[in-house]
PDB file of N, CA and C in Angstrom:
ATOM      1  N   MET A   1       0.649  -0.514  -0.166  1.00  0.00           N
ATOM      2  CA  MET A   1       0.482  -0.008   0.137  1.00  0.00           C
ATOM      3  C   MET A   1       0.642   1.357   0.168  1.00  0.00           C
ATOM      4  N   LYS A   2       0.402   2.406  -0.427  1.00  0.00           N
ATOM      5  CA  LYS A   2       1.475   3.090  -0.560  1.00  0.00           C
ATOM      6  C   LYS A   2       0.947   4.427  -0.835  1.00  0.00           C
ATOM      7  N   ILE A   3       1.079   5.719  -0.068  1.00  0.00           N
ATOM      8  CA  ILE A   3       0.451   6.972  -0.405  1.00  0.00           C
ATOM      9  C   ILE A   3       1.242   7.549  -0.546  1.00  0.00           C
ATOM     10  N   ASP A   4       1.021   8.516  -2.458  1.00  0.00           N
ATOM     11  CA  ASP A   4       1.094   9.608  -2.763  1.00  0.00           C
ATOM     12  C   ASP A   4       3.188   9.364  -2.914  1.00  0.00           C
ATOM     13  N   LYS A   5       2.893   7.954  -3.788  1.00  0.00           N
ATOM     14  CA  LYS A   5       3.742   7.178  -4.325  1.00  0.00           C
ATOM     15  C   LYS A   5       4.782   6.368  -2.929  1.00  0.00           C
ATOM     16  N   ASP A   6       4.729   6.338  -1.651  1.00  0.00           N
ATOM     17  CA  ASP A   6       5.568   6.351  -1.150  1.00  0.00           C
ATOM     18  C   ASP A   6       5.055   5.351   0.053  1.00  0.00           C
ATOM     19  N   ASP A   7       5.759   3.753   0.335  1.00  0.00           N
ATOM     20  CA  ASP A   7       5.272   3.126   1.016  1.00  0.00           C
ATOM     21  C   ASP A   7       4.720   3.405   2.824  1.00  0.00           C
ATOM     22  N   VAL A   8       3.502   3.108   2.964  1.00  0.00           N
ATOM     23  CA  VAL A   8       2.917   2.487   4.128  1.00  0.00           C
ATOM     24  C   VAL A   8       2.851   2.337   4.768  1.00  0.00           C
ATOM     25  N   LYS A   9       3.910   1.537   5.545  1.00  0.00           N
ATOM     26  CA  LYS A   9       4.778   1.178   7.045  1.00  0.00           C
ATOM     27  C   LYS A   9       3.882   1.019   8.555  1.00  0.00           C
ATOM     28  N   GLN A  10       3.316  -0.049   9.467  1.00  0.00           N
ATOM     29  CA  GLN A  10       3.542  -0.500  10.852  1.00  0.00           C
ATOM     30  C   GLN A  10       3.985   0.269  11.978  1.00  0.00           C
ATOM     31  N   ASN A  11       3.051   1.710  12.159  1.00  0.00           N
ATOM     32  CA  ASN A  11       3.464   2.808  13.330  1.00  0.00           C
ATOM     33  C   ASN A  11       4.425   4.327  12.653  1.00  0.00           C
ATOM     34  N   ASP A  12       3.893   4.238  10.664  1.00  0.00           N
ATOM     35  CA  ASP A  12       4.102   5.501  10.264  1.00  0.00           C
ATOM     36  C   ASP A  12       3.541   6.099  10.696  1.00  0.00           C
ATOM     37  N   GLN A  13       3.705   7.795  11.616  1.00  0.00           N
ATOM     38  CA  GLN A  13       1.896   8.197  11.261  1.00  0.00           C
ATOM     39  C   GLN A  13       1.812   9.152  10.023  1.00  0.00           C
ATOM     40  N   VAL A  14      -0.353   9.026  10.187  1.00  0.00           N
ATOM     41  CA  VAL A  14      -0.722   9.649   8.614  1.00  0.00           C
ATOM     42  C   VAL A  14      -1.342  11.287   9.612  1.00  0.00           C
ATOM     43  N   TRP A  15      -1.233  12.041   8.465  1.00  0.00           N
ATOM     44  CA  TRP A  15      -2.669  12.769   8.574  1.00  0.00           C
ATOM     45  C   TRP A  15      -4.149  12.917   8.242  1.00  0.00           C
ATOM     46  N   HIS A  16      -4.700  12.815   8.560  1.00  0.00           N
ATOM     47  CA  HIS A  16      -5.914  13.338   7.758  1.00  0.00           C
ATOM     48  C   HIS A  16      -6.583  14.179   7.786  1.00  0.00           C
ATOM     49  N   ASP A  17      -6.988  14.237   7.554  1.00  0.00           N
ATOM     50  CA  ASP A  17      -8.090  15.767   6.638  1.00  0.00           C
ATOM     51  C   ASP A  17      -8.468  16.552   8.270  1.00  0.00           C
ATOM     52  N   ARG A  18      -9.748  15.554   8.677  1.00  0.00           N
ATOM     53  CA  ARG A  18     -10.543  15.419   9.631  1.00  0.00           C
ATOM     54  C   ARG A  18     -10.185  15.636  11.226  1.00  0.00           C
ATOM     55  N   TYR A  19      -9.324  14.013  11.179  1.00  0.00           N
ATOM     56  CA  TYR A  19      -9.027  13.408  13.014  1.00  0.00           C
ATOM     57  C   TYR A  19      -7.378  14.107  12.900  1.00  0.00           C
ATOM     58  N   GLY A  20      -6.501  14.464  11.724  1.00  0.00           N
ATOM     59  CA  GLY A  20      -4.778  15.022  12.173  1.00  0.00           C
ATOM     60  C   GLY A  20      -4.071  13.628  12.705  1.00  0.00           C
ATOM     61  N   TYR A  21      -3.289  13.460  13.693  1.00  0.00           N
ATOM     62  CA  TYR A  21      -2.699  12.593  12.868  1.00  0.00           C
ATOM     63  C   TYR A  21      -2.975  11.270  13.692  1.00  0.00           C
ATOM     64  N   GLY A  22      -2.355   9.930  13.303  1.00  0.00           N
ATOM     65  CA  GLY A  22      -2.997   8.915  13.473  1.00  0.00           C
ATOM     66  C   GLY A  22      -2.018   8.400  13.133  1.00  0.00           C
ATOM     67  N   THR A  23      -1.993   6.356  13.836  1.00  0.00           N
ATOM     68  CA  THR A  23      -0.564   5.708  14.413  1.00  0.00           C
ATOM     69  C   THR A  23      -0.994   4.706  12.649  1.00  0.00           C
ATOM     70  N   VAL A  24      -0.181   3.890  11.838  1.00  0.00           N
ATOM     71  CA  VAL A  24      -0.764   3.005  11.279  1.00  0.00           C
ATOM     72  C   VAL A  24      -0.326   1.884  12.046  1.00  0.00           C
ATOM     73  N   ILE A  25      -1.363   1.079  12.202  1.00  0.00           N
ATOM     74  CA  ILE A  25      -1.776  -0.094  13.366  1.00  0.00           C
ATOM     75  C   ILE A  25      -1.895  -1.926  12.008  1.00  0.00           C
ATOM     76  N   ARG A  26      -1.693  -1.774  11.133  1.00  0.00           N
ATOM     77  CA  ARG A  26      -1.811  -2.610  10.147  1.00  0.00           C
ATOM     78  C   ARG A  26      -1.763  -2.471   8.744  1.00  0.00           C
ATOM     79  N   VAL A  27      -1.180  -2.836   8.560  1.00  0.00           N
ATOM     80  CA  VAL A  27      -1.151  -2.789   6.469  1.00  0.00           C
ATOM     81  C   VAL A  27      -1.282  -4.291   5.915  1.00  0.00           C
ATOM     82  N   GLN A  28      -1.764  -4.253   4.713  1.00  0.00           N
ATOM     83  CA  GLN A  28      -2.461  -5.004   3.930  1.00  0.00           C
ATOM     84  C   GLN A  28      -2.747  -5.322   2.423  1.00  0.00           C
ATOM     85  N   LYS A  29      -2.705  -5.393   1.352  1.00  0.00           N
ATOM     86  CA  LYS A  29      -2.560  -5.225   0.705  1.00  0.00           C
ATOM     87  C   LYS A  29      -2.908  -4.612   0.410  1.00  0.00           C
ATOM     88  N   GLY A  30      -2.973  -2.733   0.082  1.00  0.00           N
ATOM     89  CA  GLY A  30      -4.836  -2.149  -0.439  1.00  0.00           C
ATOM     90  C   GLY A  30      -4.794  -0.940   0.533  1.00  0.00           C
ATOM     91  N   THR A  31      -5.397  -1.926   1.632  1.00  0.00           N
ATOM     92  CA  THR A  31      -4.967  -1.449   2.710  1.00  0.00           C
ATOM     93  C   THR A  31      -4.791  -0.987   3.447  1.00  0.00           C
ATOM     94  N   CYS A  32      -4.731   0.413   4.803  1.00  0.00           N
ATOM     95  CA  CYS A  32      -4.088   0.092   6.074  1.00  0.00           C
ATOM     96  C   CYS A  32      -4.412   0.090   7.247  1.00  0.00           C
ATOM     97  N   ASP A  33      -5.085   0.418   8.414  1.00  0.00           N
ATOM     98  CA  ASP A  33      -4.981   0.560   9.540  1.00  0.00           C
ATOM     99  C   ASP A  33      -5.166   1.505  10.406  1.00  0.00           C
ATOM    100  N   VAL A  34      -5.671   2.562  10.738  1.00  0.00           N
ATOM    101  CA  VAL A  34      -5.339   3.614  11.315  1.00  0.00           C
ATOM    102  C   VAL A  34      -5.770   3.800  12.203  1.00  0.00           C
ATOM    103  N   LYS A  35      -5.489   4.108  13.885  1.00  0.00           N
ATOM    104  CA  LYS A  35      -6.176   4.500  15.068  1.00  0.00           C
ATOM    105  C   LYS A  35      -5.571   5.860  15.487  1.00  0.00           C
ATOM    106  N   PHE A  36      -6.352   6.778  15.570  1.00  0.00           N
ATOM    107  CA  PHE A  36      -6.300   8.489  15.529  1.00  0.00           C
ATOM    108  C   PHE A  36      -6.279   8.775  17.139  1.00  0.00           C
ATOM    109  N   ASN A  37      -5.173   9.981  17.955  1.00  0.00           N
ATOM    110  CA  ASN A  37      -5.406  10.088  19.649  1.00  0.00           C
ATOM    111  C   ASN A  37      -5.785   8.936  19.808  1.00  0.00           C
ATOM    112  N   GLU A  38      -6.786   9.514  21.029  1.00  0.00           N
ATOM    113  CA  GLU A  38      -6.922   8.885  22.104  1.00  0.00           C
ATOM    114  C   GLU A  38      -8.187   7.680  21.586  1.00  0.00           C
ATOM    115  N   SER A  39      -8.375   7.965  20.918  1.00  0.00           N
ATOM    116  CA  SER A  39      -9.757   6.568  19.613  1.00  0.00           C
ATOM    117  C   SER A  39     -10.148   5.323  20.024  1.00  0.00           C
ATOM    118  N   GLU A  40     -10.651   3.896  20.430  1.00  0.00           N
ATOM    119  CA  GLU A  40     -10.611   3.056  20.613  1.00  0.00           C
ATOM    120  C   GLU A  40     -11.216   2.487  19.148  1.00  0.00           C
ATOM    121  N   ARG A  41     -11.493   3.651  18.524  1.00  0.00           N
ATOM    122  CA  ARG A  41     -11.640   3.296  17.227  1.00  0.00           C
ATOM    123  C   ARG A  41     -10.865   2.853  15.939  1.00  0.00           C
ATOM    124  N   ILE A  42     -10.841   1.492  14.574  1.00  0.00           N
ATOM    125  CA  ILE A  42      -9.848   1.348  14.169  1.00  0.00           C
ATOM    126  C   ILE A  42     -10.569   2.207  12.668  1.00  0.00           C
ATOM    127  N   LEU A  43      -9.022   2.884  11.787  1.00  0.00           N
ATOM    128  CA  LEU A  43     -10.641   3.208  10.790  1.00  0.00           C
ATOM    129  C   LEU A  43      -9.340   2.377   9.523  1.00  0.00           C
ATOM    130  N   THR A  44      -9.994   2.194   8.583  1.00  0.00           N
ATOM    131  CA  THR A  44      -9.519   1.456   7.184  1.00  0.00           C
ATOM    132  C   THR A  44      -9.782   2.411   6.160  1.00  0.00           C
ATOM    133  N   PHE A  45      -8.296   2.583   5.616  1.00  0.00           N
ATOM    134  CA  PHE A  45      -8.142   3.820   4.107  1.00  0.00           C
ATOM    135  C   PHE A  45      -7.617   1.965   3.433  1.00  0.00           C
ATOM    136  N   THR A  46      -8.198   2.898   1.688  1.00  0.00           N
ATOM    137  CA  THR A  46      -7.682   2.426   0.698  1.00  0.00           C
ATOM    138  C   THR A  46      -6.415   3.013  -0.092  1.00  0.00           C
ATOM    139  N   GLU A  47      -5.420   1.612  -0.699  1.00  0.00           N
ATOM    140  CA  GLU A  47      -4.642   2.718  -1.315  1.00  0.00           C
ATOM    141  C   GLU A  47      -4.727   4.479  -1.904  1.00  0.00           C
ATOM    142  N   GLY A  48      -3.517   4.344  -1.949  1.00  0.00           N
ATOM    143  CA  GLY A  48      -3.547   6.390  -2.309  1.00  0.00           C
ATOM    144  C   GLY A  48      -3.938   7.077  -0.356  1.00  0.00           C
ATOM    145  N   GLY A  49      -4.506   5.813   0.317  1.00  0.00           N
ATOM    146  CA  GLY A  49      -5.597   7.171   1.358  1.00  0.00           C
ATOM    147  C   GLY A  49      -6.470   7.276   1.336  1.00  0.00           C
ATOM    148  N   TYR A  50      -7.496   6.437   0.309  1.00  0.00           N
ATOM    149  CA  TYR A  50      -9.078   6.980   0.289  1.00  0.00           C
ATOM    150  C   TYR A  50      -9.529   6.231   1.370  1.00  0.00           C
ATOM    151  N   SER A  51     -10.896   6.676   1.762  1.00  0.00           N
ATOM    152  CA  SER A  51     -12.355   6.166   1.958  1.00  0.00           C
ATOM    153  C   SER A  51     -13.036   6.673   0.826  1.00  0.00           C
ATOM    154  N   GLY A  52     -13.414   5.810   0.973  1.00  0.00           N
ATOM    155  CA  GLY A  52     -14.434   5.497  -0.098  1.00  0.00           C
ATOM    156  C   GLY A  52     -14.067   6.502  -1.294  1.00  0.00           C
ATOM    157  N   ASP A  53     -14.283   7.134  -1.919  1.00  0.00           N
ATOM    158  CA  ASP A  53     -14.061   7.883  -3.369  1.00  0.00           C
ATOM    159  C   ASP A  53     -12.844   9.675  -2.454  1.00  0.00           C
ATOM    160  N   VAL A  54     -12.826   8.856  -1.556  1.00  0.00           N
ATOM    161  CA  VAL A  54     -12.343  10.770  -1.828  1.00  0.00           C
ATOM    162  C   VAL A  54     -10.841  10.428  -0.980  1.00  0.00           C
ATOM    163  N   LYS A  55     -10.207  11.551  -1.200  1.00  0.00           N
ATOM    164  CA  LYS A  55      -8.659  11.303  -0.208  1.00  0.00           C
ATOM    165  C   LYS A  55      -8.751  12.070   0.580  1.00  0.00           C
ATOM    166  N   VAL A  56      -7.828  11.439   1.686  1.00  0.00           N
ATOM    167  CA  VAL A  56      -8.208  11.941   3.312  1.00  0.00           C
ATOM    168  C   VAL A  56      -6.694  11.901   3.445  1.00  0.00           C
ATOM    169  N   LEU A  57      -6.072  10.632   3.168  1.00  0.00           N
ATOM    170  CA  LEU A  57      -4.774  10.596   4.370  1.00  0.00           C
ATOM    171  C   LEU A  57      -3.294  11.222   3.688  1.00  0.00           C
ATOM    172  N   TRP A  58      -2.326  11.775   3.864  1.00  0.00           N
ATOM    173  CA  TRP A  58      -1.601  12.426   3.797  1.00  0.00           C
ATOM    174  C   TRP A  58      -0.365  11.975   5.152  1.00  0.00           C
ATOM    175  N   TRP A  59       0.837  12.596   4.244  1.00  0.00           N
ATOM    176  CA  TRP A  59       2.002  12.089   5.327  1.00  0.00           C
ATOM    177  C   TRP A  59       2.068  13.206   6.135  1.00  0.00           C
ATOM    178  N   GLN A  60       1.614  14.204   6.064  1.00  0.00           N
ATOM    179  CA  GLN A  60       1.872  15.364   6.964  1.00  0.00           C
ATOM    180  C   GLN A  60       0.632  16.239   6.186  1.00  0.00           C
ATOM    181  N   PRO A  61       0.042  18.078   6.693  1.00  0.00           N
ATOM    182  CA  PRO A  61      -0.788  18.365   6.510  1.00  0.00           C
ATOM    183  C   PRO A  61      -0.736  19.103   5.533  1.00  0.00           C
ATOM    184  N   PRO A  62      -1.288  18.626   3.740  1.00  0.00           N
ATOM    185  CA  PRO A  62      -0.813  19.150   2.396  1.00  0.00           C
ATOM    186  C   PRO A  62      -1.071  21.278   2.724  1.00  0.00           C
ATOM    187  N   ILE A  63      -0.046  21.213   1.917  1.00  0.00           N
ATOM    188  CA  ILE A  63       0.070  23.086   1.305  1.00  0.00           C
ATOM    189  C   ILE A  63      -1.297  23.690   1.396  1.00  0.00           C
ATOM    190  N   ALA A  64      -2.169  24.588   1.521  1.00  0.00           N
ATOM    191  CA  ALA A  64      -3.701  25.059   0.733  1.00  0.00           C
ATOM    192  C   ALA A  64      -3.425  26.798   0.501  1.00  0.00           C
ATOM    193  N   PHE A  65      -3.492  26.428  -0.989  1.00  0.00           N
ATOM    194  CA  PHE A  65      -3.799  27.586  -2.070  1.00  0.00           C
ATOM    195  C   PHE A  65      -5.312  28.262  -2.010  1.00  0.00           C
ATOM    196  N   HIS A  66      -5.852  29.506  -1.518  1.00  0.00           N
ATOM    197  CA  HIS A  66      -6.879  29.474  -2.446  1.00  0.00           C
ATOM    198  C   HIS A  66      -6.760  31.174  -3.253  1.00  0.00           C
ATOM    199  N   PRO A  67      -7.065  30.551  -4.637  1.00  0.00           N
ATOM    200  CA  PRO A  67      -6.552  31.610  -5.539  1.00  0.00           C
ATOM    201  C   PRO A  67      -7.918  32.352  -5.487  1.00  0.00           C
ATOM    202  N   ARG A  68      -7.458  33.703  -5.810  1.00  0.00           N
ATOM    203  CA  ARG A  68      -8.779  34.779  -5.748  1.00  0.00           C
ATOM    204  C   ARG A  68      -9.130  34.896  -7.567  1.00  0.00           C
ATOM    205  N   LYS A  69     -10.104  35.575  -7.762  1.00  0.00           N
ATOM    206  CA  LYS A  69     -10.976  36.315  -8.984  1.00  0.00           C
ATOM    207  C   LYS A  69     -10.163  36.690  -9.550  1.00  0.00           C
ATOM    208  N   ARG A  70      -9.995  35.860 -10.669  1.00  0.00           N
ATOM    209  CA  ARG A  70      -9.327  36.940 -12.090  1.00  0.00           C
ATOM    210  C   ARG A  70      -7.573  36.823 -11.751  1.00  0.00           C
ATOM    211  N   VAL A  71      -7.493  36.136 -11.491  1.00  0.00           N
ATOM    212  CA  VAL A  71      -5.326  36.564 -11.309  1.00  0.00           C
ATOM    213  C   VAL A  71      -5.012  35.138 -11.061  1.00  0.00           C
ATOM    214  N   ASP A  72      -4.254  35.790 -12.685  1.00  0.00           N
ATOM    215  CA  ASP A  72      -2.976  34.289 -13.075  1.00  0.00           C
ATOM    216  C   ASP A  72      -2.076  34.418 -12.270  1.00  0.00           C
ATOM    217  N   TYR A  73      -2.321  32.824 -11.651  1.00  0.00           N
ATOM    218  CA  TYR A  73      -0.958  32.599 -10.587  1.00  0.00           C
ATOM    219  C   TYR A  73      -0.020  31.702 -11.754  1.00  0.00           C
ATOM    220  N   THR A  74      -0.062  31.862 -13.238  1.00  0.00           N
ATOM    221  CA  THR A  74       1.079  31.047 -13.783  1.00  0.00           C
ATOM    222  C   THR A  74       2.210  30.547 -13.375  1.00  0.00           C
ATOM    223  N   HIS A  75       2.783  32.071 -13.407  1.00  0.00           N
ATOM    224  CA  HIS A  75       4.609  32.033 -12.878  1.00  0.00           C
ATOM    225  C   HIS A  75       4.629  32.465 -11.257  1.00  0.00           C
ATOM    226  N   PHE A  76       3.005  31.901 -10.901  1.00  0.00           N
ATOM    227  CA  PHE A  76       3.755  31.413  -8.846  1.00  0.00           C
ATOM    228  C   PHE A  76       3.798  29.718  -8.110  1.00  0.00           C
ATOM    229  N   LEU A  77       2.652  29.485  -9.854  1.00  0.00           N
ATOM    230  CA  LEU A  77       3.077  27.414  -9.827  1.00  0.00           C
ATOM    231  C   LEU A  77       4.274  27.364 -10.431  1.00  0.00           C
ATOM    232  N   GLN A  78       4.973  28.459 -11.607  1.00  0.00           N
ATOM    233  CA  GLN A  78       5.699  27.362 -11.952  1.00  0.00           C
ATOM    234  C   GLN A  78       7.182  27.934 -11.558  1.00  0.00           C
ATOM    235  N   ILE A  79       7.091  28.571  -9.834  1.00  0.00           N
ATOM    236  CA  ILE A  79       8.010  28.820  -9.440  1.00  0.00           C
ATOM    237  C   ILE A  79       7.864  27.769  -8.090  1.00  0.00           C
ATOM    238  N   ILE A  80       6.743  27.865  -7.190  1.00  0.00           N
ATOM    239  CA  ILE A  80       6.972  26.699  -6.662  1.00  0.00           C
ATOM    240  C   ILE A  80       7.257  25.212  -6.844  1.00  0.00           C
ATOM    241  N   ASP A  81       6.303  24.680  -8.214  1.00  0.00           N
ATOM    242  CA  ASP A  81       6.843  23.916  -9.438  1.00  0.00           C
ATOM    243  C   ASP A  81       8.495  23.935  -9.123  1.00  0.00           C
ATOM    244  N   GLY A  82       9.420  24.546  -9.890  1.00  0.00           N
ATOM    245  CA  GLY A  82      11.336  24.752  -9.134  1.00  0.00           C
ATOM    246  C   GLY A  82      11.392  24.249  -7.827  1.00  0.00           C
ATOM    247  N   LEU A  83      10.967  25.271  -7.027  1.00  0.00           N
ATOM    248  CA  LEU A  83      10.877  24.973  -5.939  1.00  0.00           C
ATOM    249  C   LEU A  83      11.292  23.282  -5.539  1.00  0.00           C
ATOM    250  N   HIS A  84      10.176  23.051  -5.906  1.00  0.00           N
ATOM    251  CA  HIS A  84      10.330  22.107  -5.158  1.00  0.00           C
ATOM    252  C   HIS A  84      10.606  20.642  -6.041  1.00  0.00           C
ATOM    253  N   LYS A  85      11.219  21.001  -6.748  1.00  0.00           N
ATOM    254  CA  LYS A  85      12.412  20.063  -7.477  1.00  0.00           C
ATOM    255  C   LYS A  85      13.834  20.870  -6.893  1.00  0.00           C
ATOM    256  N   GLN A  86      14.260  21.573  -6.749  1.00  0.00           N
ATOM    257  CA  GLN A  86      15.262  21.788  -6.286  1.00  0.00           C
ATOM    258  C   GLN A  86      15.259  20.904  -5.289  1.00  0.00           C
ATOM    259  N   LEU A  87      14.811  21.320  -3.712  1.00  0.00           N
ATOM    260  CA  LEU A  87      14.313  20.601  -2.596  1.00  0.00           C
ATOM    261  C   LEU A  87      13.870  18.943  -2.654  1.00  0.00           C
ATOM    262  N   PHE A  88      13.622  18.088  -3.815  1.00  0.00           N
ATOM    263  CA  PHE A  88      13.041  17.048  -3.735  1.00  0.00           C
ATOM    264  C   PHE A  88      13.392  16.067  -5.133  1.00  0.00           C
ATOM    265  N   GLY A  89      13.464  16.754  -5.687  1.00  0.00           N
ATOM    266  CA  GLY A  89      14.398  16.322  -7.168  1.00  0.00           C
ATOM    267  C   GLY A  89      12.931  15.857  -7.869  1.00  0.00           C
ATOM    268  N   GLU A  90      13.037  15.024  -9.409  1.00  0.00           N
ATOM    269  CA  GLU A  90      11.532  14.942 -10.348  1.00  0.00           C
ATOM    270  C   GLU A  90      10.503  14.126  -9.633  1.00  0.00           C
TER     271      GLU A  90
END
């Protein structure tokens, strides 16, 4: 099982868009079970970090960007892409 191209392993920390950080309890082919905070309940997610048809798991909180109406962000997005490639490679 992978989230964003990286293997998910037992005891990994993942971030859920509603529950925050949780710990991977078990990994099976195509699924992982995660326990969040003090909850006794364990939730199961599918390949890529999905719950149903919605991606909800990441390795850490994703960076939110709220574009404004009628503003061209093409140059900004090119800069971000270039920085990402410099820091992390292709």
